[in-house]
Amino acid sequence: MLDERKAAILRAVVEEYIDTAQPVGSGAVAEAASVQVSSATIRSDMATLEAEGYLHQPHTSAGRVPTDKGYRHFVDAVGQASLGRPDNRKVTDFFREMRGEIEDLMRDTAGLLSRLTDYAAVVVDHSADGAAVRSFQLVSLAPEVALAVVVLATGVVEKHTIEWDEAVYPDDIDTISAAVSAAFDARPLTQPEGLRSTGSRRLDAMARSVVEVVSGQPVDPDRVYVDGASRVVGSFDAVDTVSQVLTILEQQLVVVSLLGDVLERGQSVAIGAETGLEPLEECSVVVSPYEIDGEAAGSIAVLGPTRMNYPQAMAAVAVVSRQLGRRLSEG
């Protein structure tokens, strides 16, 4: 544990380094409003902070930079800031005006979060195949072809092409659609109820074929939307680090596992080695789950350098996740 004075000096170093990306000397710390001690005391305390692993001196004559331990103390102490009014307005307007299918909403949400933070943004949609069906409709495309449209409680829209060996008339399509809709009503996609009879063996058989097609093709459990990967390129000096970070962002399973591991540890921020991935040892992740009707439905996150603006990133992720969940709950 750090005393109040050393904590204030560490915070000043972290904030200055976030702003400038340059090693921080005692002179810059002395100018911080929260630090009101002599330069000699600052130098002494910075040396102590270095010895205790909170700061690192890259060169003998240089100032100090925060270590992962220093960032962790800063994040735990500073907490989450409020998102500025202009950015709050951008988020509110975005979700109020957003229209289209769920894939568009998720993709554009990642774009919004990336623009707000200037980091890479990730939206993970955990649309498990146990999600309840909100609505079902069968639409005729041709005499022997129909389109089954399933809307899940998560907001995901699934479409399946149905082909028959004979022509099906519009009235028959309506009858089949009603029977299948009743079987899926508010039930998981993979667990429909028994079909009620339509009064026609022929239409009953067609309805069964529709159920088999729809329930036999469950939703992809994890869909990942990434935006702003190029924004992290300028955050690192080493080309190989940039390459490794971009490669990680392209691996959906790795991204989903990373965010899940962070949340399972009860954290909202993973710093450097805390990510558990060697290629991301110079990166930090800020993540938050979002809910639909009170149920966990996915997560959103930003990934940037360990020298990220944590309070602003945490505020943006929190506001966007809350608004996304609210928007999806409304349908």
C-alpha atoms as a PDB file:
ATOM      1  CA  MET A   1       0.000   0.000   0.000  1.00  0.00           C
ATOM      2  CA  LEU A   2       1.205   3.507  -0.805  1.00  0.00           C
ATOM      3  CA  ASP A   3       0.828   6.483   1.463  1.00  0.00           C
ATOM      4  CA  GLU A   4      -1.131   9.478   0.182  1.00  0.00           C
ATOM      5  CA  ARG A   5       1.931  11.419  -0.961  1.00  0.00           C
ATOM      6  CA  LYS A   6       3.512   8.600  -2.953  1.00  0.00           C
ATOM      7  CA  ALA A   7       0.118   7.735  -4.469  1.00  0.00           C
ATOM      8  CA  ALA A   8      -0.259  11.349  -5.638  1.00  0.00           C
ATOM      9  CA  ILE A   9       3.245  11.304  -7.166  1.00  0.00           C
ATOM     10  CA  LEU A  10       2.550   8.007  -8.926  1.00  0.00           C
ATOM     11  CA  ARG A  11      -0.720   9.355 -10.290  1.00  0.00           C
ATOM     12  CA  ALA A  12       1.066  12.465 -11.588  1.00  0.00           C
ATOM     13  CA  VAL A  13       3.672  10.310 -13.340  1.00  0.00           C
ATOM     14  CA  VAL A  14       1.021   8.091 -14.940  1.00  0.00           C
ATOM     15  CA  GLU A  15      -1.089  11.012 -16.136  1.00  0.00           C
ATOM     16  CA  GLU A  16       1.916  12.862 -17.547  1.00  0.00           C
ATOM     17  CA  TYR A  17       3.187   9.750 -19.309  1.00  0.00           C
ATOM     18  CA  ILE A  18      -0.243   9.067 -20.817  1.00  0.00           C
ATOM     19  CA  ASP A  19      -0.255  12.607 -22.206  1.00  0.00           C
ATOM     20  CA  THR A  20       3.308  12.786 -23.504  1.00  0.00           C
ATOM     21  CA  ALA A  21       4.624   9.208 -23.973  1.00  0.00           C
ATOM     22  CA  GLN A  22       7.940  10.548 -22.625  1.00  0.00           C
ATOM     23  CA  PRO A  23       9.729   9.513 -19.402  1.00  0.00           C
ATOM     24  CA  VAL A  24       8.584  11.784 -16.593  1.00  0.00           C
ATOM     25  CA  GLY A  25      11.008  13.771 -14.472  1.00  0.00           C
ATOM     26  CA  SER A  26      10.539  15.290 -11.041  1.00  0.00           C
ATOM     27  CA  GLY A  27      10.045  18.750 -12.546  1.00  0.00           C
ATOM     28  CA  ALA A  28       6.921  17.701 -14.405  1.00  0.00           C
ATOM     29  CA  VAL A  29       5.590  15.984 -11.271  1.00  0.00           C
ATOM     30  CA  ALA A  30       6.180  19.119  -9.210  1.00  0.00           C
ATOM     31  CA  GLU A  31       3.840  21.036 -11.535  1.00  0.00           C
ATOM     32  CA  ALA A  32       0.916  18.659 -10.875  1.00  0.00           C
ATOM     33  CA  ALA A  33      -1.826  20.237  -8.777  1.00  0.00           C
ATOM     34  CA  SER A  34      -2.118  17.139  -6.593  1.00  0.00           C
ATOM     35  CA  VAL A  35       1.574  17.199  -5.612  1.00  0.00           C
ATOM     36  CA  GLN A  36       2.632  19.908  -3.170  1.00  0.00           C
ATOM     37  CA  VAL A  37       6.060  18.874  -1.917  1.00  0.00           C
ATOM     38  CA  SER A  38       9.624  19.842  -2.777  1.00  0.00           C
ATOM     39  CA  SER A  39      11.471  18.519  -5.806  1.00  0.00           C
ATOM     40  CA  ALA A  40      13.912  16.741  -3.487  1.00  0.00           C
ATOM     41  CA  THR A  41      11.057  14.870  -1.832  1.00  0.00           C
ATOM     42  CA  ILE A  42       9.598  14.005  -5.223  1.00  0.00           C
ATOM     43  CA  ARG A  43      12.919  12.588  -6.410  1.00  0.00           C
ATOM     44  CA  SER A  44      13.258  10.548  -3.235  1.00  0.00           C
ATOM     45  CA  ASP A  45       9.730   9.176  -3.501  1.00  0.00           C
ATOM     46  CA  MET A  46      10.141   8.396  -7.198  1.00  0.00           C
ATOM     47  CA  ALA A  47      13.235   6.380  -6.345  1.00  0.00           C
ATOM     48  CA  THR A  48      11.239   4.508  -3.710  1.00  0.00           C
ATOM     49  CA  LEU A  49       8.408   3.879  -6.184  1.00  0.00           C
ATOM     50  CA  GLU A  50      10.958   2.492  -8.630  1.00  0.00           C
ATOM     51  CA  ALA A  51      12.445   0.215  -5.972  1.00  0.00           C
ATOM     52  CA  GLU A  52       8.944  -1.066  -5.122  1.00  0.00           C
ATOM     53  CA  GLY A  53       8.168  -1.843  -8.771  1.00  0.00           C
ATOM     54  CA  TYR A  54       5.679   0.947  -9.555  1.00  0.00           C
ATOM     55  CA  LEU A  55       8.016   2.896 -11.848  1.00  0.00           C
ATOM     56  CA  HIS A  56      10.833   2.073 -14.234  1.00  0.00           C
ATOM     57  CA  GLN A  57      13.745   4.203 -15.427  1.00  0.00           C
ATOM     58  CA  PRO A  58      14.511   3.275 -19.063  1.00  0.00           C
ATOM     59  CA  HIS A  59      17.860   5.129 -19.027  1.00  0.00           C
ATOM     60  CA  THR A  60      20.083   6.353 -16.217  1.00  0.00           C
ATOM     61  CA  SER A  61      19.597  10.014 -17.074  1.00  0.00           C
ATOM     62  CA  ALA A  62      15.938   9.689 -18.061  1.00  0.00           C
ATOM     63  CA  GLY A  63      12.804  10.196 -16.076  1.00  0.00           C
ATOM     64  CA  ARG A  64      10.506   7.355 -15.036  1.00  0.00           C
ATOM     65  CA  VAL A  65       7.702   5.503 -16.755  1.00  0.00           C
ATOM     66  CA  PRO A  66       4.951   3.455 -15.079  1.00  0.00           C
ATOM     67  CA  THR A  67       5.176  -0.326 -14.871  1.00  0.00           C
ATOM     68  CA  ASP A  68       2.155  -2.635 -15.079  1.00  0.00           C
ATOM     69  CA  LYS A  69       2.062  -2.520 -11.275  1.00  0.00           C
ATOM     70  CA  GLY A  70       2.038   1.271 -11.395  1.00  0.00           C
ATOM     71  CA  TYR A  71      -0.813   1.318 -13.913  1.00  0.00           C
ATOM     72  CA  ARG A  72      -2.748  -1.200 -11.808  1.00  0.00           C
ATOM     73  CA  HIS A  73      -2.489   0.994  -8.719  1.00  0.00           C
ATOM     74  CA  PHE A  74      -3.557   4.005 -10.792  1.00  0.00           C
ATOM     75  CA  VAL A  75      -6.593   2.215 -12.260  1.00  0.00           C
ATOM     76  CA  ASP A  76      -7.707   0.822  -8.903  1.00  0.00           C
ATOM     77  CA  ALA A  77      -7.299   4.200  -7.205  1.00  0.00           C
ATOM     78  CA  VAL A  78      -8.690   6.590  -9.811  1.00  0.00           C
ATOM     79  CA  GLY A  79     -11.847   4.652 -10.653  1.00  0.00           C
ATOM     80  CA  GLN A  80     -14.089   5.380 -13.591  1.00  0.00           C
ATOM     81  CA  ALA A  81     -14.532   8.927 -14.831  1.00  0.00           C
ATOM     82  CA  SER A  82     -17.689  10.297 -16.421  1.00  0.00           C
ATOM     83  CA  LEU A  83     -17.867  10.448 -20.185  1.00  0.00           C
ATOM     84  CA  GLY A  84     -17.767  14.045 -21.386  1.00  0.00           C
ATOM     85  CA  ARG A  85     -21.033  15.648 -22.412  1.00  0.00           C
ATOM     86  CA  PRO A  86     -20.204  15.818 -26.172  1.00  0.00           C
ATOM     87  CA  ASP A  87     -19.263  12.124 -26.245  1.00  0.00           C
ATOM     88  CA  ASN A  88     -22.303  11.208 -24.171  1.00  0.00           C
ATOM     89  CA  ARG A  89     -24.446  12.995 -26.731  1.00  0.00           C
ATOM     90  CA  LYS A  90     -22.767  11.076 -29.567  1.00  0.00           C
ATOM     91  CA  VAL A  91     -23.594   7.773 -27.888  1.00  0.00           C
ATOM     92  CA  THR A  92     -27.192   8.737 -27.173  1.00  0.00           C
ATOM     93  CA  ASP A  93     -27.777   9.990 -30.715  1.00  0.00           C
ATOM     94  CA  PHE A  94     -26.143   6.898 -32.216  1.00  0.00           C
ATOM     95  CA  PHE A  95     -28.417   4.427 -30.469  1.00  0.00           C
ATOM     96  CA  ARG A  96     -31.515   6.551 -30.944  1.00  0.00           C
ATOM     97  CA  GLU A  97     -30.971   6.813 -34.693  1.00  0.00           C
ATOM     98  CA  MET A  98     -29.524   3.337 -35.324  1.00  0.00           C
ATOM     99  CA  ARG A  99     -31.637   1.064 -37.525  1.00  0.00           C
ATOM    100  CA  GLY A 100     -31.052  -2.185 -39.372  1.00  0.00           C
ATOM    101  CA  GLU A 101     -30.217  -5.766 -38.526  1.00  0.00           C
ATOM    102  CA  ILE A 102     -28.249  -6.855 -35.493  1.00  0.00           C
ATOM    103  CA  GLU A 103     -25.043  -7.363 -37.468  1.00  0.00           C
ATOM    104  CA  ASP A 104     -25.100  -3.735 -38.591  1.00  0.00           C
ATOM    105  CA  LEU A 105     -25.741  -2.515 -35.055  1.00  0.00           C
ATOM    106  CA  MET A 106     -22.868  -4.544 -33.602  1.00  0.00           C
ATOM    107  CA  ARG A 107     -20.438  -3.531 -36.332  1.00  0.00           C
ATOM    108  CA  ASP A 108     -21.347   0.143 -36.051  1.00  0.00           C
ATOM    109  CA  THR A 109     -21.158  -0.013 -32.253  1.00  0.00           C
ATOM    110  CA  ALA A 110     -17.557  -1.194 -32.530  1.00  0.00           C
ATOM    111  CA  GLY A 111     -16.893   1.731 -34.857  1.00  0.00           C
ATOM    112  CA  LEU A 112     -18.479   4.190 -32.425  1.00  0.00           C
ATOM    113  CA  LEU A 113     -16.400   2.917 -29.502  1.00  0.00           C
ATOM    114  CA  SER A 114     -13.201   3.055 -31.532  1.00  0.00           C
ATOM    115  CA  ARG A 115     -13.853   6.665 -32.511  1.00  0.00           C
ATOM    116  CA  LEU A 116     -14.640   7.631 -28.911  1.00  0.00           C
ATOM    117  CA  THR A 117     -11.417   6.170 -27.509  1.00  0.00           C
ATOM    118  CA  ASP A 118      -9.060   6.117 -30.505  1.00  0.00           C
ATOM    119  CA  TYR A 119      -8.266   2.477 -29.710  1.00  0.00           C
ATOM    120  CA  ALA A 120      -9.234  -0.815 -31.322  1.00  0.00           C
ATOM    121  CA  ALA A 121     -12.772  -1.774 -30.299  1.00  0.00           C
ATOM    122  CA  VAL A 122     -14.371  -5.200 -30.036  1.00  0.00           C
ATOM    123  CA  VAL A 123     -18.006  -6.256 -29.708  1.00  0.00           C
ATOM    124  CA  VAL A 124     -18.690  -9.918 -28.933  1.00  0.00           C
ATOM    125  CA  ASP A 125     -22.204 -11.240 -29.441  1.00  0.00           C
ATOM    126  CA  HIS A 126     -22.791 -14.365 -27.314  1.00  0.00           C
ATOM    127  CA  SER A 127     -25.974 -15.399 -29.128  1.00  0.00           C
ATOM    128  CA  ALA A 128     -26.106 -18.946 -27.823  1.00  0.00           C
ATOM    129  CA  ASP A 129     -28.410 -21.381 -29.564  1.00  0.00           C
ATOM    130  CA  GLY A 130     -30.438 -21.548 -26.364  1.00  0.00           C
ATOM    131  CA  ALA A 131     -31.741 -18.021 -27.008  1.00  0.00           C
ATOM    132  CA  ALA A 132     -35.523 -17.839 -27.107  1.00  0.00           C
ATOM    133  CA  VAL A 133     -37.326 -17.181 -30.385  1.00  0.00           C
ATOM    134  CA  ARG A 134     -39.059 -13.810 -30.428  1.00  0.00           C
ATOM    135  CA  SER A 135     -40.801 -14.247 -33.771  1.00  0.00           C
ATOM    136  CA  PHE A 136     -40.925 -16.533 -36.797  1.00  0.00           C
ATOM    137  CA  GLN A 137     -42.160 -15.907 -40.314  1.00  0.00           C
ATOM    138  CA  LEU A 138     -42.180 -17.918 -43.521  1.00  0.00           C
ATOM    139  CA  VAL A 139     -42.033 -15.903 -46.743  1.00  0.00           C
ATOM    140  CA  SER A 140     -42.651 -17.322 -50.218  1.00  0.00           C
ATOM    141  CA  LEU A 141     -39.831 -16.666 -52.683  1.00  0.00           C
ATOM    142  CA  ALA A 142     -41.022 -18.944 -55.477  1.00  0.00           C
ATOM    143  CA  PRO A 143     -43.643 -21.708 -55.819  1.00  0.00           C
ATOM    144  CA  GLU A 144     -41.198 -24.276 -54.401  1.00  0.00           C
ATOM    145  CA  VAL A 145     -38.948 -22.020 -52.314  1.00  0.00           C
ATOM    146  CA  ALA A 146     -39.572 -20.101 -49.087  1.00  0.00           C
ATOM    147  CA  LEU A 147     -37.466 -18.067 -46.674  1.00  0.00           C
ATOM    148  CA  ALA A 148     -37.709 -18.795 -42.929  1.00  0.00           C
ATOM    149  CA  VAL A 149     -36.956 -15.672 -40.869  1.00  0.00           C
ATOM    150  CA  VAL A 150     -36.256 -16.186 -37.160  1.00  0.00           C
ATOM    151  CA  VAL A 151     -35.784 -13.297 -34.728  1.00  0.00           C
ATOM    152  CA  LEU A 152     -34.216 -14.284 -31.400  1.00  0.00           C
ATOM    153  CA  ALA A 153     -34.663 -12.539 -28.065  1.00  0.00           C
ATOM    154  CA  THR A 154     -31.054 -11.358 -28.403  1.00  0.00           C
ATOM    155  CA  GLY A 155     -32.031  -9.407 -31.513  1.00  0.00           C
ATOM    156  CA  VAL A 156     -30.198 -11.768 -33.865  1.00  0.00           C
ATOM    157  CA  VAL A 157     -32.002 -12.421 -37.154  1.00  0.00           C
ATOM    158  CA  GLU A 158     -31.500 -15.857 -38.737  1.00  0.00           C
ATOM    159  CA  LYS A 159     -32.579 -16.657 -42.286  1.00  0.00           C
ATOM    160  CA  HIS A 160     -32.910 -20.128 -43.818  1.00  0.00           C
ATOM    161  CA  THR A 161     -33.915 -21.095 -47.338  1.00  0.00           C
ATOM    162  CA  ILE A 162     -36.543 -23.852 -47.512  1.00  0.00           C
ATOM    163  CA  GLU A 163     -36.947 -25.897 -50.688  1.00  0.00           C
ATOM    164  CA  TRP A 164     -39.777 -28.335 -51.439  1.00  0.00           C
ATOM    165  CA  ASP A 165     -40.398 -30.857 -54.204  1.00  0.00           C
ATOM    166  CA  GLU A 166     -43.739 -29.316 -55.084  1.00  0.00           C
ATOM    167  CA  ALA A 167     -45.387 -25.926 -55.358  1.00  0.00           C
ATOM    168  CA  VAL A 168     -46.777 -24.395 -52.179  1.00  0.00           C
ATOM    169  CA  TYR A 169     -49.530 -21.801 -52.427  1.00  0.00           C
ATOM    170  CA  PRO A 170     -49.644 -18.574 -50.372  1.00  0.00           C
ATOM    171  CA  ASP A 171     -52.478 -19.821 -48.131  1.00  0.00           C
ATOM    172  CA  ASP A 172     -50.460 -22.961 -47.404  1.00  0.00           C
ATOM    173  CA  ILE A 173     -47.397 -20.848 -46.575  1.00  0.00           C
ATOM    174  CA  ASP A 174     -49.469 -18.943 -44.015  1.00  0.00           C
ATOM    175  CA  THR A 175     -50.734 -22.179 -42.472  1.00  0.00           C
ATOM    176  CA  ILE A 176     -47.250 -23.695 -42.227  1.00  0.00           C
ATOM    177  CA  SER A 177     -45.838 -20.449 -40.849  1.00  0.00           C
ATOM    178  CA  ALA A 178     -48.476 -20.302 -38.097  1.00  0.00           C
ATOM    179  CA  ALA A 179     -47.806 -23.905 -37.057  1.00  0.00           C
ATOM    180  CA  VAL A 180     -44.032 -23.450 -36.929  1.00  0.00           C
ATOM    181  CA  SER A 181     -44.367 -20.104 -35.132  1.00  0.00           C
ATOM    182  CA  ALA A 182     -46.458 -21.766 -32.414  1.00  0.00           C
ATOM    183  CA  ALA A 183     -43.853 -24.509 -31.998  1.00  0.00           C
ATOM    184  CA  PHE A 184     -41.027 -21.999 -31.466  1.00  0.00           C
ATOM    185  CA  ASP A 185     -42.990 -19.378 -29.525  1.00  0.00           C
ATOM    186  CA  ALA A 186     -40.722 -18.068 -26.698  1.00  0.00           C
ATOM    187  CA  ARG A 187     -38.753 -21.325 -26.751  1.00  0.00           C
ATOM    188  CA  PRO A 188     -35.051 -21.932 -27.486  1.00  0.00           C
ATOM    189  CA  LEU A 189     -34.223 -22.327 -31.137  1.00  0.00           C
ATOM    190  CA  THR A 190     -33.061 -25.915 -30.628  1.00  0.00           C
ATOM    191  CA  GLN A 191     -36.018 -26.933 -28.437  1.00  0.00           C
ATOM    192  CA  PRO A 192     -39.295 -26.412 -30.317  1.00  0.00           C
ATOM    193  CA  GLU A 193     -42.544 -27.856 -28.982  1.00  0.00           C
ATOM    194  CA  GLY A 194     -44.413 -30.529 -30.843  1.00  0.00           C
ATOM    195  CA  LEU A 195     -46.147 -29.242 -33.950  1.00  0.00           C
ATOM    196  CA  ARG A 196     -49.881 -28.843 -33.825  1.00  0.00           C
ATOM    197  CA  SER A 197     -51.757 -30.378 -36.727  1.00  0.00           C
ATOM    198  CA  THR A 198     -52.675 -28.142 -39.623  1.00  0.00           C
ATOM    199  CA  GLY A 199     -55.444 -30.533 -40.639  1.00  0.00           C
ATOM    200  CA  SER A 200     -53.416 -31.646 -43.655  1.00  0.00           C
ATOM    201  CA  ARG A 201     -50.823 -34.416 -43.632  1.00  0.00           C
ATOM    202  CA  ARG A 202     -49.105 -32.744 -46.555  1.00  0.00           C
ATOM    203  CA  LEU A 203     -48.746 -29.398 -44.760  1.00  0.00           C
ATOM    204  CA  ASP A 204     -47.827 -31.130 -41.488  1.00  0.00           C
ATOM    205  CA  ALA A 205     -44.915 -32.793 -43.279  1.00  0.00           C
ATOM    206  CA  MET A 206     -43.836 -29.479 -44.772  1.00  0.00           C
ATOM    207  CA  ALA A 207     -44.012 -27.789 -41.364  1.00  0.00           C
ATOM    208  CA  ARG A 208     -41.844 -30.560 -39.883  1.00  0.00           C
ATOM    209  CA  SER A 209     -39.262 -30.017 -42.617  1.00  0.00           C
ATOM    210  CA  VAL A 210     -39.140 -26.305 -41.769  1.00  0.00           C
ATOM    211  CA  VAL A 211     -38.592 -27.042 -38.060  1.00  0.00           C
ATOM    212  CA  GLU A 212     -35.836 -29.510 -38.884  1.00  0.00           C
ATOM    213  CA  VAL A 213     -34.016 -26.985 -41.071  1.00  0.00           C
ATOM    214  CA  VAL A 214     -34.328 -24.102 -38.604  1.00  0.00           C
ATOM    215  CA  SER A 215     -33.571 -25.978 -35.377  1.00  0.00           C
ATOM    216  CA  GLY A 216     -30.841 -28.035 -37.040  1.00  0.00           C
ATOM    217  CA  GLN A 217     -28.787 -24.926 -37.887  1.00  0.00           C
ATOM    218  CA  PRO A 218     -28.134 -23.246 -34.538  1.00  0.00           C
ATOM    219  CA  VAL A 219     -26.782 -19.728 -34.308  1.00  0.00           C
ATOM    220  CA  ASP A 220     -23.036 -19.220 -34.256  1.00  0.00           C
ATOM    221  CA  PRO A 221     -22.506 -18.802 -30.470  1.00  0.00           C
ATOM    222  CA  ASP A 222     -19.918 -16.050 -30.718  1.00  0.00           C
ATOM    223  CA  ARG A 223     -19.799 -13.341 -33.333  1.00  0.00           C
ATOM    224  CA  VAL A 224     -16.941 -10.876 -33.080  1.00  0.00           C
ATOM    225  CA  TYR A 225     -16.917  -7.384 -34.562  1.00  0.00           C
ATOM    226  CA  VAL A 226     -13.626  -5.442 -34.567  1.00  0.00           C
ATOM    227  CA  ASP A 227     -13.069  -1.860 -35.614  1.00  0.00           C
ATOM    228  CA  GLY A 228     -10.135   0.520 -35.409  1.00  0.00           C
ATOM    229  CA  ALA A 229      -7.344  -2.059 -35.463  1.00  0.00           C
ATOM    230  CA  SER A 230      -5.246   0.429 -37.415  1.00  0.00           C
ATOM    231  CA  ARG A 231      -5.598   2.944 -34.571  1.00  0.00           C
ATOM    232  CA  VAL A 232      -3.222   0.957 -32.360  1.00  0.00           C
ATOM    233  CA  VAL A 233      -0.456   0.883 -34.968  1.00  0.00           C
ATOM    234  CA  GLY A 234       0.991   4.226 -33.936  1.00  0.00           C
ATOM    235  CA  SER A 235       1.023   3.249 -30.258  1.00  0.00           C
ATOM    236  CA  PHE A 236       4.021   0.943 -30.526  1.00  0.00           C
ATOM    237  CA  ASP A 237       7.587   1.500 -31.688  1.00  0.00           C
ATOM    238  CA  ALA A 238       8.395  -2.089 -32.630  1.00  0.00           C
ATOM    239  CA  VAL A 239       6.998  -3.340 -35.934  1.00  0.00           C
ATOM    240  CA  ASP A 240       6.813  -6.924 -34.662  1.00  0.00           C
ATOM    241  CA  THR A 241       4.642  -5.787 -31.727  1.00  0.00           C
ATOM    242  CA  VAL A 242       2.212  -4.115 -34.115  1.00  0.00           C
ATOM    243  CA  SER A 243       2.107  -7.239 -36.254  1.00  0.00           C
ATOM    244  CA  GLN A 244       1.418  -9.488 -33.260  1.00  0.00           C
ATOM    245  CA  VAL A 245      -1.349  -7.244 -31.938  1.00  0.00           C
ATOM    246  CA  LEU A 246      -3.063  -7.103 -35.325  1.00  0.00           C
ATOM    247  CA  THR A 247      -2.788 -10.887 -35.644  1.00  0.00           C
ATOM    248  CA  ILE A 248      -4.491 -11.365 -32.259  1.00  0.00           C
ATOM    249  CA  LEU A 249      -7.352  -9.092 -33.297  1.00  0.00           C
ATOM    250  CA  GLU A 250      -7.910 -11.274 -36.366  1.00  0.00           C
ATOM    251  CA  GLN A 251      -8.313 -14.436 -34.269  1.00  0.00           C
ATOM    252  CA  GLN A 252     -11.898 -14.430 -33.065  1.00  0.00           C
ATOM    253  CA  LEU A 253     -11.576 -17.388 -30.682  1.00  0.00           C
ATOM    254  CA  VAL A 254      -8.568 -15.791 -28.980  1.00  0.00           C
ATOM    255  CA  VAL A 255     -10.402 -12.475 -28.594  1.00  0.00           C
ATOM    256  CA  VAL A 256     -13.499 -14.134 -27.129  1.00  0.00           C
ATOM    257  CA  SER A 257     -11.372 -16.168 -24.690  1.00  0.00           C
ATOM    258  CA  LEU A 258      -9.389 -13.077 -23.663  1.00  0.00           C
ATOM    259  CA  LEU A 259     -12.451 -11.013 -22.808  1.00  0.00           C
ATOM    260  CA  GLY A 260     -14.119 -13.960 -21.092  1.00  0.00           C
ATOM    261  CA  ASP A 261     -11.052 -14.615 -18.935  1.00  0.00           C
ATOM    262  CA  VAL A 262     -10.859 -10.975 -17.838  1.00  0.00           C
ATOM    263  CA  LEU A 263     -14.536 -10.900 -16.841  1.00  0.00           C
ATOM    264  CA  GLU A 264     -14.330 -14.266 -15.075  1.00  0.00           C
ATOM    265  CA  ARG A 265     -11.552 -12.841 -12.886  1.00  0.00           C
ATOM    266  CA  GLY A 266     -13.965 -10.120 -11.847  1.00  0.00           C
ATOM    267  CA  GLN A 267     -11.935  -7.443 -13.607  1.00  0.00           C
ATOM    268  CA  SER A 268     -12.878  -4.740 -16.066  1.00  0.00           C
ATOM    269  CA  VAL A 269      -9.282  -3.846 -16.957  1.00  0.00           C
ATOM    270  CA  ALA A 270      -6.388  -6.181 -17.834  1.00  0.00           C
ATOM    271  CA  ILE A 271      -2.986  -4.509 -17.989  1.00  0.00           C
ATOM    272  CA  GLY A 272       0.037  -5.880 -19.841  1.00  0.00           C
ATOM    273  CA  ALA A 273       0.889  -9.379 -18.614  1.00  0.00           C
ATOM    274  CA  GLU A 274      -2.544  -9.611 -16.950  1.00  0.00           C
ATOM    275  CA  THR A 275      -3.999 -10.313 -20.399  1.00  0.00           C
ATOM    276  CA  GLY A 276      -2.284 -13.703 -20.287  1.00  0.00           C
ATOM    277  CA  LEU A 277      -1.101 -13.340 -23.875  1.00  0.00           C
ATOM    278  CA  GLU A 278       2.571 -12.652 -24.537  1.00  0.00           C
ATOM    279  CA  PRO A 279       1.900 -10.634 -27.743  1.00  0.00           C
ATOM    280  CA  LEU A 280      -0.265  -8.284 -25.665  1.00  0.00           C
ATOM    281  CA  GLU A 281       2.239  -7.598 -22.884  1.00  0.00           C
ATOM    282  CA  GLU A 282       2.440  -3.978 -24.033  1.00  0.00           C
ATOM    283  CA  CYS A 283      -1.350  -3.678 -24.283  1.00  0.00           C
ATOM    284  CA  SER A 284      -4.285  -3.171 -21.976  1.00  0.00           C
ATOM    285  CA  VAL A 285      -7.890  -4.217 -22.372  1.00  0.00           C
ATOM    286  CA  VAL A 286     -10.958  -2.508 -20.906  1.00  0.00           C
ATOM    287  CA  VAL A 287     -14.055  -4.700 -21.084  1.00  0.00           C
ATOM    288  CA  SER A 288     -17.665  -4.646 -19.939  1.00  0.00           C
ATOM    289  CA  PRO A 289     -20.522  -7.119 -20.421  1.00  0.00           C
ATOM    290  CA  TYR A 290     -23.867  -5.999 -21.788  1.00  0.00           C
ATOM    291  CA  GLU A 291     -27.262  -7.443 -20.955  1.00  0.00           C
ATOM    292  CA  ILE A 292     -30.500  -7.959 -22.815  1.00  0.00           C
ATOM    293  CA  ASP A 293     -33.579  -8.026 -20.587  1.00  0.00           C
ATOM    294  CA  GLY A 294     -31.349  -8.647 -17.578  1.00  0.00           C
ATOM    295  CA  GLU A 295     -29.497 -11.586 -19.131  1.00  0.00           C
ATOM    296  CA  ALA A 296     -25.812 -11.535 -20.138  1.00  0.00           C
ATOM    297  CA  ALA A 297     -25.684 -11.347 -23.935  1.00  0.00           C
ATOM    298  CA  GLY A 298     -22.145 -10.334 -24.850  1.00  0.00           C
ATOM    299  CA  SER A 299     -19.297  -7.986 -24.118  1.00  0.00           C
ATOM    300  CA  ILE A 300     -17.602  -4.923 -25.545  1.00  0.00           C
ATOM    301  CA  ALA A 301     -14.007  -3.841 -25.104  1.00  0.00           C
ATOM    302  CA  VAL A 302     -11.231  -1.567 -26.228  1.00  0.00           C
ATOM    303  CA  LEU A 303      -7.632  -2.648 -26.716  1.00  0.00           C
ATOM    304  CA  GLY A 304      -4.790  -0.164 -26.696  1.00  0.00           C
ATOM    305  CA  PRO A 305      -1.306   0.398 -25.297  1.00  0.00           C
ATOM    306  CA  THR A 306      -0.674   0.139 -21.559  1.00  0.00           C
ATOM    307  CA  ARG A 307      -0.231   3.908 -21.842  1.00  0.00           C
ATOM    308  CA  MET A 308      -3.951   4.335 -22.448  1.00  0.00           C
ATOM    309  CA  ASN A 309      -6.274   6.931 -20.982  1.00  0.00           C
ATOM    310  CA  TYR A 310      -7.890   4.489 -18.553  1.00  0.00           C
ATOM    311  CA  PRO A 311     -10.550   6.744 -16.983  1.00  0.00           C
ATOM    312  CA  GLN A 312     -11.851   7.859 -20.380  1.00  0.00           C
ATOM    313  CA  ALA A 313     -11.704   4.352 -21.865  1.00  0.00           C
ATOM    314  CA  MET A 314     -13.516   2.858 -18.867  1.00  0.00           C
ATOM    315  CA  ALA A 315     -16.206   5.539 -19.064  1.00  0.00           C
ATOM    316  CA  ALA A 316     -16.740   5.015 -22.800  1.00  0.00           C
ATOM    317  CA  VAL A 317     -16.958   1.229 -22.503  1.00  0.00           C
ATOM    318  CA  ALA A 318     -19.412   1.468 -19.594  1.00  0.00           C
ATOM    319  CA  VAL A 319     -21.727   3.943 -21.335  1.00  0.00           C
ATOM    320  CA  VAL A 320     -21.708   2.144 -24.691  1.00  0.00           C
ATOM    321  CA  SER A 321     -22.317  -1.283 -23.112  1.00  0.00           C
ATOM    322  CA  ARG A 322     -25.257   0.082 -21.124  1.00  0.00           C
ATOM    323  CA  GLN A 323     -26.781   1.801 -24.141  1.00  0.00           C
ATOM    324  CA  LEU A 324     -26.248  -1.246 -26.377  1.00  0.00           C
ATOM    325  CA  GLY A 325     -28.015  -3.504 -23.897  1.00  0.00           C
ATOM    326  CA  ARG A 326     -30.896  -1.066 -23.604  1.00  0.00           C
ATOM    327  CA  ARG A 327     -31.223  -0.760 -27.376  1.00  0.00           C
ATOM    328  CA  LEU A 328     -31.257  -4.551 -27.875  1.00  0.00           C
ATOM    329  CA  SER A 329     -33.753  -5.033 -25.054  1.00  0.00           C
ATOM    330  CA  GLU A 330     -36.141  -2.658 -26.792  1.00  0.00           C
ATOM    331  CA  GLY A 331     -35.927  -4.793 -29.952  1.00  0.00           C
END
